[in-house]
C-alpha cells in the first residue's frame, strides 16, 4: 500500500520560513516524479513544485526563488523549503506521486499579515 504523510506546517508571519516534510512508504520516492500541491478552501488544488528522479526541479511562477523541493533518499522523504512566505501561500500542502490516486491528509500552512 503506497502512502504519503505530510508534516511540518504551521503558523508564520509574512516573510517567515517553513520546511515541509513528506514521508513515503510502499514505493521508492526517488524513482518517481514527486510533486507538491496546495489547496485553499474554495479553490482548486494548485501545482506548486516537482522533483524528478534525476534531480530536476520545477516550480510555479509564484514560488520560484522562494521554495525549494529536495529529498533524502535514505529516509524516503521529500521536503519543501519555503522562505519569504506571503499570505497568498497559505493553504493545505500535499505531496503526491505522479499519477497516483492516493493523497495524504496534507499539512496546513498559515501565513499572517
N, C-alpha and C. Protein backbone atom coordinates (compact mmCIF):
# COMPACT_ATOMS: atom_id res chain seq x y z
N UNK A 1 0.84 -1.19 0.00
CA UNK A 1 0.00 0.00 0.00
C UNK A 1 0.89 1.25 0.00
N UNK A 2 0.76 2.04 -1.04
CA UNK A 2 1.54 3.26 -1.14
C UNK A 2 0.89 4.35 -0.30
N UNK A 3 1.73 5.11 0.37
CA UNK A 3 1.23 6.12 1.29
C UNK A 3 2.21 7.27 1.38
N UNK A 4 1.68 8.48 1.57
CA UNK A 4 2.49 9.64 1.86
C UNK A 4 1.91 10.32 3.09
N UNK A 5 2.79 10.83 3.93
CA UNK A 5 2.38 11.52 5.14
C UNK A 5 3.12 12.84 5.21
N UNK A 6 2.36 13.93 5.17
CA UNK A 6 2.94 15.27 5.21
C UNK A 6 2.97 15.80 6.64
N UNK A 7 3.95 16.63 6.91
CA UNK A 7 4.04 17.28 8.21
C UNK A 7 4.89 18.55 8.06
N UNK A 8 4.94 19.33 9.12
CA UNK A 8 5.80 20.50 9.15
C UNK A 8 5.11 21.83 8.98
N UNK A 9 3.82 21.81 8.70
CA UNK A 9 3.11 23.06 8.56
C UNK A 9 2.96 23.78 9.88
N UNK A 10 2.50 25.01 9.79
CA UNK A 10 2.32 25.80 10.99
C UNK A 10 1.95 27.22 10.65
N UNK A 11 2.01 28.06 11.66
CA UNK A 11 1.68 29.47 11.53
C UNK A 11 2.96 30.30 11.49
N UNK A 12 3.09 31.12 10.47
CA UNK A 12 4.24 32.02 10.35
C UNK A 12 3.75 33.39 9.92
N UNK A 13 4.56 34.39 10.21
CA UNK A 13 4.28 35.73 9.72
C UNK A 13 4.79 35.89 8.30
N UNK A 14 4.23 36.85 7.60
CA UNK A 14 4.74 37.17 6.27
C UNK A 14 6.25 37.39 6.34
N UNK A 15 6.95 36.80 5.38
CA UNK A 15 8.39 36.88 5.36
C UNK A 15 9.09 35.74 6.08
N UNK A 16 8.35 34.92 6.79
CA UNK A 16 8.93 33.82 7.53
C UNK A 16 9.18 32.60 6.67
N UNK A 17 9.67 31.54 7.31
CA UNK A 17 10.06 30.33 6.61
C UNK A 17 9.49 29.09 7.29
N UNK A 18 9.28 28.06 6.50
CA UNK A 18 8.89 26.75 6.98
C UNK A 18 9.52 25.70 6.07
N UNK A 19 9.68 24.50 6.61
CA UNK A 19 10.11 23.37 5.80
C UNK A 19 9.13 22.22 6.01
N UNK A 20 8.49 21.81 4.93
CA UNK A 20 7.52 20.74 4.97
C UNK A 20 8.20 19.41 4.68
N UNK A 21 7.65 18.35 5.26
CA UNK A 21 8.20 17.01 5.11
C UNK A 21 7.12 16.07 4.58
N UNK A 22 7.51 15.17 3.71
CA UNK A 22 6.62 14.15 3.18
C UNK A 22 7.34 12.81 3.23
N UNK A 23 6.86 11.91 4.07
CA UNK A 23 7.45 10.59 4.19
C UNK A 23 6.65 9.61 3.34
N UNK A 24 7.33 8.97 2.40
CA UNK A 24 6.69 7.98 1.54
C UNK A 24 6.90 6.58 2.06
N UNK A 25 5.93 5.72 1.80
CA UNK A 25 6.05 4.31 2.13
C UNK A 25 5.38 3.48 1.04
N UNK A 26 5.88 2.27 0.83
CA UNK A 26 5.33 1.40 -0.18
C UNK A 26 5.86 1.66 -1.58
N UNK A 27 6.75 2.60 -1.72
CA UNK A 27 7.38 2.90 -3.01
C UNK A 27 8.68 3.63 -2.75
N UNK A 28 9.53 3.66 -3.76
CA UNK A 28 10.80 4.37 -3.66
C UNK A 28 10.61 5.77 -4.21
N UNK A 29 10.65 6.73 -3.33
CA UNK A 29 10.33 8.11 -3.69
C UNK A 29 11.26 8.64 -4.78
N UNK A 30 12.53 8.30 -4.71
CA UNK A 30 13.50 8.83 -5.66
C UNK A 30 13.33 8.25 -7.06
N UNK A 31 12.53 7.20 -7.21
CA UNK A 31 12.26 6.63 -8.52
C UNK A 31 11.06 7.26 -9.20
N UNK A 32 10.39 8.17 -8.53
CA UNK A 32 9.13 8.71 -9.01
C UNK A 32 9.22 10.21 -9.23
N UNK A 33 8.36 10.69 -10.13
CA UNK A 33 8.14 12.12 -10.22
C UNK A 33 7.27 12.52 -9.04
N UNK A 34 7.83 13.33 -8.17
CA UNK A 34 7.12 13.75 -6.98
C UNK A 34 6.75 15.23 -7.09
N UNK A 35 5.57 15.56 -6.60
CA UNK A 35 5.09 16.92 -6.69
C UNK A 35 4.58 17.41 -5.34
N UNK A 36 4.58 18.71 -5.20
CA UNK A 36 3.87 19.39 -4.13
C UNK A 36 2.72 20.17 -4.75
N UNK A 37 1.57 20.06 -4.14
CA UNK A 37 0.39 20.84 -4.49
C UNK A 37 -0.12 21.55 -3.25
N UNK A 38 -0.96 22.55 -3.45
CA UNK A 38 -1.60 23.22 -2.33
C UNK A 38 -3.03 23.54 -2.68
N UNK A 39 -3.85 23.66 -1.65
CA UNK A 39 -5.26 23.92 -1.86
C UNK A 39 -5.80 24.84 -0.78
N UNK A 40 -6.52 25.85 -1.21
CA UNK A 40 -7.20 26.79 -0.34
C UNK A 40 -8.70 26.55 -0.47
N UNK A 41 -9.46 26.66 0.63
CA UNK A 41 -10.91 26.46 0.52
C UNK A 41 -11.52 27.32 -0.58
N UNK A 42 -12.35 26.70 -1.40
CA UNK A 42 -12.99 27.40 -2.48
C UNK A 42 -12.20 27.46 -3.77
N UNK A 43 -10.99 26.92 -3.75
CA UNK A 43 -10.16 26.92 -4.93
C UNK A 43 -9.73 25.50 -5.28
N UNK A 44 -9.40 25.30 -6.54
CA UNK A 44 -8.90 24.01 -6.99
C UNK A 44 -7.49 23.78 -6.46
N UNK A 45 -7.13 22.52 -6.37
CA UNK A 45 -5.77 22.19 -5.98
C UNK A 45 -4.79 22.71 -7.03
N UNK A 46 -3.73 23.34 -6.57
CA UNK A 46 -2.77 24.03 -7.43
C UNK A 46 -1.42 23.33 -7.36
N UNK A 47 -0.83 23.06 -8.49
CA UNK A 47 0.52 22.53 -8.53
C UNK A 47 1.52 23.59 -8.10
N UNK A 48 2.48 23.19 -7.29
CA UNK A 48 3.47 24.12 -6.75
C UNK A 48 4.88 23.78 -7.21
N UNK A 49 5.28 22.52 -7.10
CA UNK A 49 6.66 22.15 -7.39
C UNK A 49 6.74 20.69 -7.79
N UNK A 50 7.79 20.36 -8.54
CA UNK A 50 8.08 19.00 -8.96
C UNK A 50 9.54 18.69 -8.73
N UNK A 51 9.82 17.49 -8.25
CA UNK A 51 11.18 16.97 -8.16
C UNK A 51 11.21 15.65 -8.91
N UNK A 52 11.96 15.60 -9.99
CA UNK A 52 12.05 14.42 -10.84
C UNK A 52 13.14 13.47 -10.33
N UNK A 53 13.10 12.20 -10.74
CA UNK A 53 14.11 11.24 -10.27
C UNK A 53 15.55 11.68 -10.49
N UNK A 54 15.84 12.32 -11.61
CA UNK A 54 17.19 12.77 -11.88
C UNK A 54 17.60 14.02 -11.13
N UNK A 55 16.69 14.60 -10.37
CA UNK A 55 17.01 15.77 -9.57
C UNK A 55 16.52 17.09 -10.13
N UNK A 56 15.95 17.08 -11.33
CA UNK A 56 15.43 18.32 -11.90
C UNK A 56 14.25 18.82 -11.08
N UNK A 57 14.17 20.11 -10.92
CA UNK A 57 13.07 20.73 -10.18
C UNK A 57 12.35 21.74 -11.06
N UNK A 58 11.07 21.89 -10.77
CA UNK A 58 10.22 22.84 -11.48
C UNK A 58 9.29 23.47 -10.46
N UNK A 59 8.97 24.74 -10.67
CA UNK A 59 8.14 25.48 -9.73
C UNK A 59 7.15 26.35 -10.47
N UNK A 60 6.02 26.54 -9.86
CA UNK A 60 5.09 27.52 -10.39
C UNK A 60 5.69 28.91 -10.20
N UNK A 61 5.34 29.81 -11.09
CA UNK A 61 6.00 31.12 -11.11
C UNK A 61 5.91 31.85 -9.78
N UNK A 62 4.81 31.72 -9.10
CA UNK A 62 4.59 32.49 -7.89
C UNK A 62 5.51 32.09 -6.73
N UNK A 63 6.13 30.92 -6.80
CA UNK A 63 7.02 30.48 -5.72
C UNK A 63 8.47 30.36 -6.15
N UNK A 64 8.75 30.55 -7.41
CA UNK A 64 10.12 30.43 -7.90
C UNK A 64 11.03 31.41 -7.17
N UNK A 65 12.15 30.90 -6.70
CA UNK A 65 13.10 31.70 -5.95
C UNK A 65 12.85 31.71 -4.46
N UNK A 66 11.70 31.24 -4.03
CA UNK A 66 11.36 31.22 -2.61
C UNK A 66 11.21 29.81 -2.06
N UNK A 67 10.76 28.88 -2.88
CA UNK A 67 10.54 27.50 -2.45
C UNK A 67 11.59 26.59 -3.07
N UNK A 68 11.96 25.54 -2.34
CA UNK A 68 12.93 24.57 -2.81
C UNK A 68 12.47 23.16 -2.50
N UNK A 69 12.31 22.34 -3.53
CA UNK A 69 11.99 20.93 -3.34
C UNK A 69 13.28 20.12 -3.27
N UNK A 70 13.34 19.19 -2.33
CA UNK A 70 14.50 18.34 -2.17
C UNK A 70 14.07 17.00 -1.59
N UNK A 71 15.00 16.08 -1.46
CA UNK A 71 14.67 14.78 -0.89
C UNK A 71 15.87 14.18 -0.18
N UNK A 72 15.59 13.26 0.72
CA UNK A 72 16.59 12.44 1.38
C UNK A 72 16.28 11.01 0.99
N UNK A 73 17.09 10.44 0.12
CA UNK A 73 16.81 9.11 -0.39
C UNK A 73 16.87 8.04 0.69
N UNK A 74 17.80 8.19 1.63
CA UNK A 74 17.92 7.21 2.70
C UNK A 74 16.68 7.16 3.58
N UNK A 75 16.02 8.29 3.72
CA UNK A 75 14.82 8.37 4.55
C UNK A 75 13.53 8.26 3.74
N UNK A 76 13.66 8.14 2.41
CA UNK A 76 12.50 8.08 1.53
C UNK A 76 11.55 9.25 1.81
N UNK A 77 12.14 10.43 1.90
CA UNK A 77 11.42 11.61 2.34
C UNK A 77 11.62 12.76 1.37
N UNK A 78 10.55 13.46 1.10
CA UNK A 78 10.54 14.64 0.25
C UNK A 78 10.35 15.87 1.13
N UNK A 79 10.98 16.96 0.75
CA UNK A 79 10.88 18.21 1.51
C UNK A 79 10.45 19.35 0.60
N UNK A 80 9.85 20.34 1.21
CA UNK A 80 9.59 21.60 0.54
C UNK A 80 10.01 22.73 1.47
N UNK A 81 11.14 23.33 1.17
CA UNK A 81 11.56 24.50 1.91
C UNK A 81 10.86 25.73 1.37
N UNK A 82 10.36 26.56 2.27
CA UNK A 82 9.61 27.74 1.89
C UNK A 82 10.17 28.93 2.65
N UNK A 83 10.50 29.98 1.93
CA UNK A 83 11.01 31.19 2.55
C UNK A 83 10.27 32.40 2.01
N UNK A 84 10.42 33.52 2.73
CA UNK A 84 9.73 34.75 2.36
C UNK A 84 8.26 34.48 2.08
N UNK A 85 7.62 33.80 3.01
CA UNK A 85 6.23 33.40 2.82
C UNK A 85 5.31 34.61 2.75
N UNK A 86 4.30 34.47 1.93
CA UNK A 86 3.31 35.52 1.71
C UNK A 86 1.93 35.02 2.10
N UNK A 87 1.01 35.92 2.42
CA UNK A 87 -0.34 35.47 2.77
C UNK A 87 -0.97 34.58 1.72
N UNK A 88 -0.70 34.83 0.46
CA UNK A 88 -1.27 34.02 -0.60
C UNK A 88 -0.68 32.61 -0.66
N UNK A 89 0.38 32.34 0.10
CA UNK A 89 0.92 30.99 0.20
C UNK A 89 0.15 30.13 1.18
N UNK A 90 -0.70 30.72 1.99
CA UNK A 90 -1.46 29.96 2.97
C UNK A 90 -2.35 28.94 2.28
N UNK A 91 -2.27 27.70 2.71
CA UNK A 91 -3.01 26.62 2.08
C UNK A 91 -2.70 25.33 2.82
N UNK A 92 -3.43 24.28 2.47
CA UNK A 92 -3.04 22.94 2.85
C UNK A 92 -2.12 22.40 1.76
N UNK A 93 -0.95 21.96 2.16
CA UNK A 93 0.05 21.47 1.22
C UNK A 93 0.08 19.96 1.20
N UNK A 94 0.12 19.40 0.00
CA UNK A 94 0.12 17.96 -0.22
C UNK A 94 1.31 17.55 -1.05
N UNK A 95 1.93 16.43 -0.71
CA UNK A 95 2.87 15.82 -1.64
C UNK A 95 2.17 14.70 -2.38
N UNK A 96 2.69 14.36 -3.56
CA UNK A 96 1.97 13.44 -4.43
C UNK A 96 2.92 12.75 -5.38
N UNK A 97 2.74 11.46 -5.53
CA UNK A 97 3.44 10.71 -6.57
C UNK A 97 2.67 10.87 -7.87
N UNK A 98 3.37 11.21 -8.94
CA UNK A 98 2.74 11.47 -10.23
C UNK A 98 1.84 10.31 -10.63
N UNK A 99 0.62 10.64 -10.98
CA UNK A 99 -0.42 9.72 -11.46
C UNK A 99 -1.05 8.87 -10.36
N UNK A 100 -0.62 9.01 -9.15
CA UNK A 100 -1.22 8.25 -8.07
C UNK A 100 -2.62 8.74 -7.76
N UNK A 101 -3.48 7.82 -7.36
CA UNK A 101 -4.81 8.18 -6.91
C UNK A 101 -4.86 8.43 -5.40
N UNK A 102 -3.77 8.16 -4.73
CA UNK A 102 -3.72 8.29 -3.28
C UNK A 102 -3.10 9.62 -2.87
N UNK A 103 -3.80 10.35 -2.02
CA UNK A 103 -3.32 11.59 -1.46
C UNK A 103 -3.27 11.47 0.05
N UNK A 104 -2.32 12.16 0.65
CA UNK A 104 -2.27 12.22 2.09
C UNK A 104 -3.25 13.23 2.64
N UNK A 105 -3.14 13.48 3.94
CA UNK A 105 -4.03 14.43 4.59
C UNK A 105 -3.57 15.87 4.43
N UNK A 106 -2.34 16.06 3.99
CA UNK A 106 -1.81 17.39 3.83
C UNK A 106 -1.37 18.00 5.15
N UNK A 107 -0.71 19.15 5.05
CA UNK A 107 -0.29 19.88 6.23
C UNK A 107 -0.61 21.36 6.03
N UNK A 108 -1.17 21.96 7.05
CA UNK A 108 -1.68 23.32 6.95
C UNK A 108 -0.58 24.34 7.14
N UNK A 109 -0.48 25.26 6.20
CA UNK A 109 0.41 26.41 6.31
C UNK A 109 -0.44 27.66 6.41
N UNK A 110 -0.25 28.40 7.47
CA UNK A 110 -0.97 29.65 7.68
C UNK A 110 0.03 30.79 7.75
N UNK A 111 -0.22 31.83 6.99
CA UNK A 111 0.68 32.98 6.94
C UNK A 111 -0.10 34.21 7.35
N UNK A 112 0.34 34.84 8.42
CA UNK A 112 -0.33 36.02 8.92
C UNK A 112 0.31 37.27 8.33
N UNK A 113 -0.50 38.29 8.15
CA UNK A 113 -0.02 39.56 7.62
C UNK A 113 -0.07 40.67 8.65
